[in-house]
Amino acid sequence: MILLEMIGTEYILLKLNKMNPLITNKKVATKSYLETECLGKNFADHIKSGEIILLYGDLGSGKTTFVKGILKGLGFSGDVTSPTFSLINEYEAIKRVIHIDCYREENLQRWINLGIEDYFNGSNIVIVEWPEILSDIIPNNVIKIEIKHVQENIREFMLL
C-alpha cells in the first residue's frame, strides 16, 4: 500500500504501515478509492470508544469512502452507505459506530429534537460529515479531518 505525503508542492512516497501516516504526519494524500479506504481502515486502530470524528470536505472528496474504511477496520463487513437521506446510520462493529451526515438538514433545532446530543455522550464512535451546523453543540474534544479533492484520483487528508 503506497500513500503520498504532501510536503510543499512535492509528493513523497510513503508505505502505509500500522502507524497511520495521518496520525504521524498530520497530512496525507491518497491516490485511489482503495487507498482512501485503506487509510480509514488503518485509522480505525487509533479510534477509542466515545470519540467524535468530524469530516470536512466538498461533495465527492472521499468522506464516505474513508468511513467505509474505518468500519472495515472495526470489523464491519456489511454495506456502508452515506446517510445523506437517512441523516443517521448506525453500525454494530467491534465498537458501535454512528455515522451522521448533516448535508441535507441545516436546522440545528431539528438535530436537537432528533436527540443528536445523546450520541455525543456515550461510548459510541460518532463520525459526522458536514458538521458545521452542529458546531454549537459538539463537545470540545473531537478529531477534525479535512479532506480535499486535489486531482481526479488524489485526495488530501489533514488533521486539524
Protein backbone atom coordinates (compact mmCIF):
# COMPACT_ATOMS: atom_id res chain seq x y z
CA MET A 1 0.00 0.00 0.00
CA ILE A 2 1.53 3.31 -1.06
CA LEU A 3 0.39 6.75 0.07
CA LEU A 4 1.62 10.20 -0.76
CA GLU A 5 2.61 12.73 1.85
CA MET A 6 2.32 16.36 0.83
CA ILE A 7 5.38 18.44 1.65
CA GLY A 8 5.32 21.81 -0.05
CA THR A 9 4.39 21.05 -3.64
CA GLU A 10 6.18 17.73 -3.91
CA TYR A 11 4.81 14.28 -3.17
CA ILE A 12 6.96 11.80 -1.31
CA LEU A 13 6.01 8.13 -1.44
CA LEU A 14 5.20 6.59 1.90
CA LYS A 15 4.46 2.99 2.79
CA LEU A 16 1.35 2.66 4.88
CA ASN A 17 2.07 0.55 7.92
CA LYS A 18 0.48 0.09 11.32
CA MET A 19 1.50 3.62 12.34
CA ASN A 20 -1.05 5.60 10.38
CA PRO A 21 0.59 8.45 8.42
CA LEU A 22 -2.42 10.70 9.06
CA ILE A 23 -1.63 10.45 12.79
CA THR A 24 2.14 10.83 12.49
CA ASN A 25 2.35 13.42 9.71
CA LYS A 26 -0.97 15.30 10.07
CA LYS A 27 -1.30 15.43 6.27
CA VAL A 28 -1.55 12.56 3.77
CA ALA A 29 -2.78 12.18 0.21
CA THR A 30 -4.30 9.05 -1.28
CA LYS A 31 -4.29 8.33 -4.99
CA SER A 32 -7.23 5.94 -5.30
CA TYR A 33 -10.53 4.87 -3.79
CA LEU A 34 -8.82 1.80 -2.33
CA GLU A 35 -6.05 3.84 -0.70
CA THR A 36 -8.65 6.17 0.83
CA GLU A 37 -10.50 3.15 2.22
CA CYS A 38 -7.23 1.63 3.48
CA LEU A 39 -6.30 4.89 5.21
CA GLY A 40 -9.63 4.75 7.04
CA LYS A 41 -9.13 1.09 7.90
CA ASN A 42 -5.75 1.77 9.48
CA PHE A 43 -7.01 4.94 11.15
CA ALA A 44 -9.62 2.78 12.93
CA ASP A 45 -6.80 1.25 15.02
CA HIS A 46 -6.37 4.65 16.70
CA ILE A 47 -10.03 5.38 17.48
CA LYS A 48 -11.30 4.86 21.00
CA SER A 49 -14.89 4.36 22.15
CA GLY A 50 -16.62 7.67 22.78
CA GLU A 51 -14.59 9.63 20.24
CA ILE A 52 -16.21 12.04 17.83
CA ILE A 53 -14.70 12.46 14.36
CA LEU A 54 -15.69 15.44 12.23
CA LEU A 55 -15.13 15.17 8.47
CA TYR A 56 -14.94 18.37 6.45
CA GLY A 57 -14.83 18.35 2.65
CA ASP A 58 -16.71 19.08 -0.54
CA LEU A 59 -19.03 16.66 -2.30
CA GLY A 60 -17.05 13.76 -3.71
CA SER A 61 -13.99 14.41 -1.57
CA GLY A 62 -13.97 10.88 -0.12
CA LYS A 63 -15.63 11.28 3.28
CA THR A 64 -17.91 8.25 2.99
CA THR A 65 -15.12 6.14 1.44
CA PHE A 66 -12.94 6.99 4.44
CA VAL A 67 -15.81 5.98 6.76
CA LYS A 68 -16.16 2.67 4.89
CA GLY A 69 -12.51 2.01 5.66
CA ILE A 70 -12.95 2.89 9.33
CA LEU A 71 -15.84 0.44 9.56
CA LYS A 72 -13.80 -2.30 7.84
CA GLY A 73 -11.03 -1.63 10.33
CA LEU A 74 -13.56 -2.12 13.12
CA GLY A 75 -14.63 -5.49 11.71
CA PHE A 76 -17.87 -4.45 10.00
CA SER A 77 -18.45 -6.46 6.81
CA GLY A 78 -21.87 -5.20 5.70
CA ASP A 79 -22.81 -2.42 3.32
CA VAL A 80 -21.84 1.11 4.29
CA THR A 81 -23.80 3.92 2.70
CA SER A 82 -23.85 7.66 3.06
CA PRO A 83 -26.55 8.82 5.46
CA THR A 84 -27.31 11.82 3.24
CA PHE A 85 -31.01 10.95 3.09
CA SER A 86 -31.42 8.95 6.31
CA LEU A 87 -29.34 11.54 8.26
CA ILE A 88 -28.01 8.89 10.69
CA ASN A 89 -26.76 5.33 10.10
CA GLU A 90 -25.83 3.07 13.00
CA TYR A 91 -23.40 0.17 12.62
CA GLU A 92 -22.65 -2.64 15.06
CA ALA A 93 -18.95 -3.38 14.62
CA ILE A 94 -16.30 -4.19 17.25
CA LYS A 95 -17.33 -0.78 18.56
CA ARG A 96 -20.69 0.80 17.79
CA VAL A 97 -20.38 3.48 15.10
CA ILE A 98 -22.85 6.29 14.50
CA HIS A 99 -22.44 7.86 11.04
CA ILE A 100 -24.16 11.24 10.69
CA ASP A 101 -24.49 13.40 7.57
CA CYS A 102 -25.67 16.99 8.07
CA TYR A 103 -25.61 17.97 4.38
CA ARG A 104 -29.38 17.99 3.85
CA GLU A 105 -30.56 19.17 7.27
CA GLU A 106 -29.37 22.67 8.16
CA ASN A 107 -31.77 23.28 11.05
CA LEU A 108 -29.92 22.85 14.36
CA GLN A 109 -33.15 22.62 16.35
CA ARG A 110 -34.27 19.64 14.26
CA TRP A 111 -31.00 17.87 15.09
CA ILE A 112 -31.55 18.61 18.77
CA ASN A 113 -35.13 17.31 18.53
CA LEU A 114 -33.79 14.09 16.96
CA GLY A 115 -31.66 13.58 20.08
CA ILE A 116 -28.29 14.18 18.41
CA GLU A 117 -26.68 15.21 21.70
CA ASP A 118 -27.35 11.76 23.16
CA TYR A 119 -24.93 10.32 20.59
CA PHE A 120 -22.18 12.68 21.78
CA ASN A 121 -22.39 11.50 25.38
CA GLY A 122 -21.91 7.77 25.09
CA SER A 123 -19.39 5.10 24.26
CA ASN A 124 -20.26 5.20 20.55
CA ILE A 125 -17.79 6.27 17.93
CA VAL A 126 -19.53 9.17 16.20
CA ILE A 127 -18.49 10.24 12.71
CA VAL A 128 -20.08 13.42 11.35
CA GLU A 129 -19.94 14.56 7.73
CA TRP A 130 -20.73 18.25 7.09
CA PRO A 131 -20.56 19.03 10.86
CA GLU A 132 -20.63 22.83 10.58
CA ILE A 133 -24.33 23.15 11.55
CA LEU A 134 -23.65 21.28 14.81
CA SER A 135 -20.73 23.45 15.93
CA ASP A 136 -22.67 24.96 18.87
CA ILE A 137 -23.47 21.56 20.41
CA ILE A 138 -20.45 19.39 19.57
CA PRO A 139 -18.14 18.77 22.56
CA ASN A 140 -14.65 20.30 22.51
CA ASN A 141 -12.53 17.13 22.42
CA VAL A 142 -13.08 15.91 18.85
CA ILE A 143 -10.95 14.73 15.95
CA LYS A 144 -11.25 17.04 12.95
CA ILE A 145 -10.20 15.89 9.50
CA GLU A 146 -10.35 17.99 6.36
CA ILE A 147 -10.47 16.15 3.04
CA LYS A 148 -9.65 17.91 -0.22
CA HIS A 149 -10.19 16.64 -3.75
CA VAL A 150 -6.77 17.63 -5.17
CA GLN A 151 -6.91 15.90 -8.57
CA GLU A 152 -9.11 13.30 -10.24
CA ASN A 153 -8.00 10.44 -8.00
CA ILE A 154 -5.95 12.27 -5.37
CA ARG A 155 -7.46 13.17 -2.01
CA GLU A 156 -5.60 15.07 0.69
CA PHE A 157 -6.39 14.32 4.34
CA MET A 158 -5.36 16.75 7.04
CA LEU A 159 -5.80 16.52 10.80
CA LEU A 160 -6.92 19.91 12.05
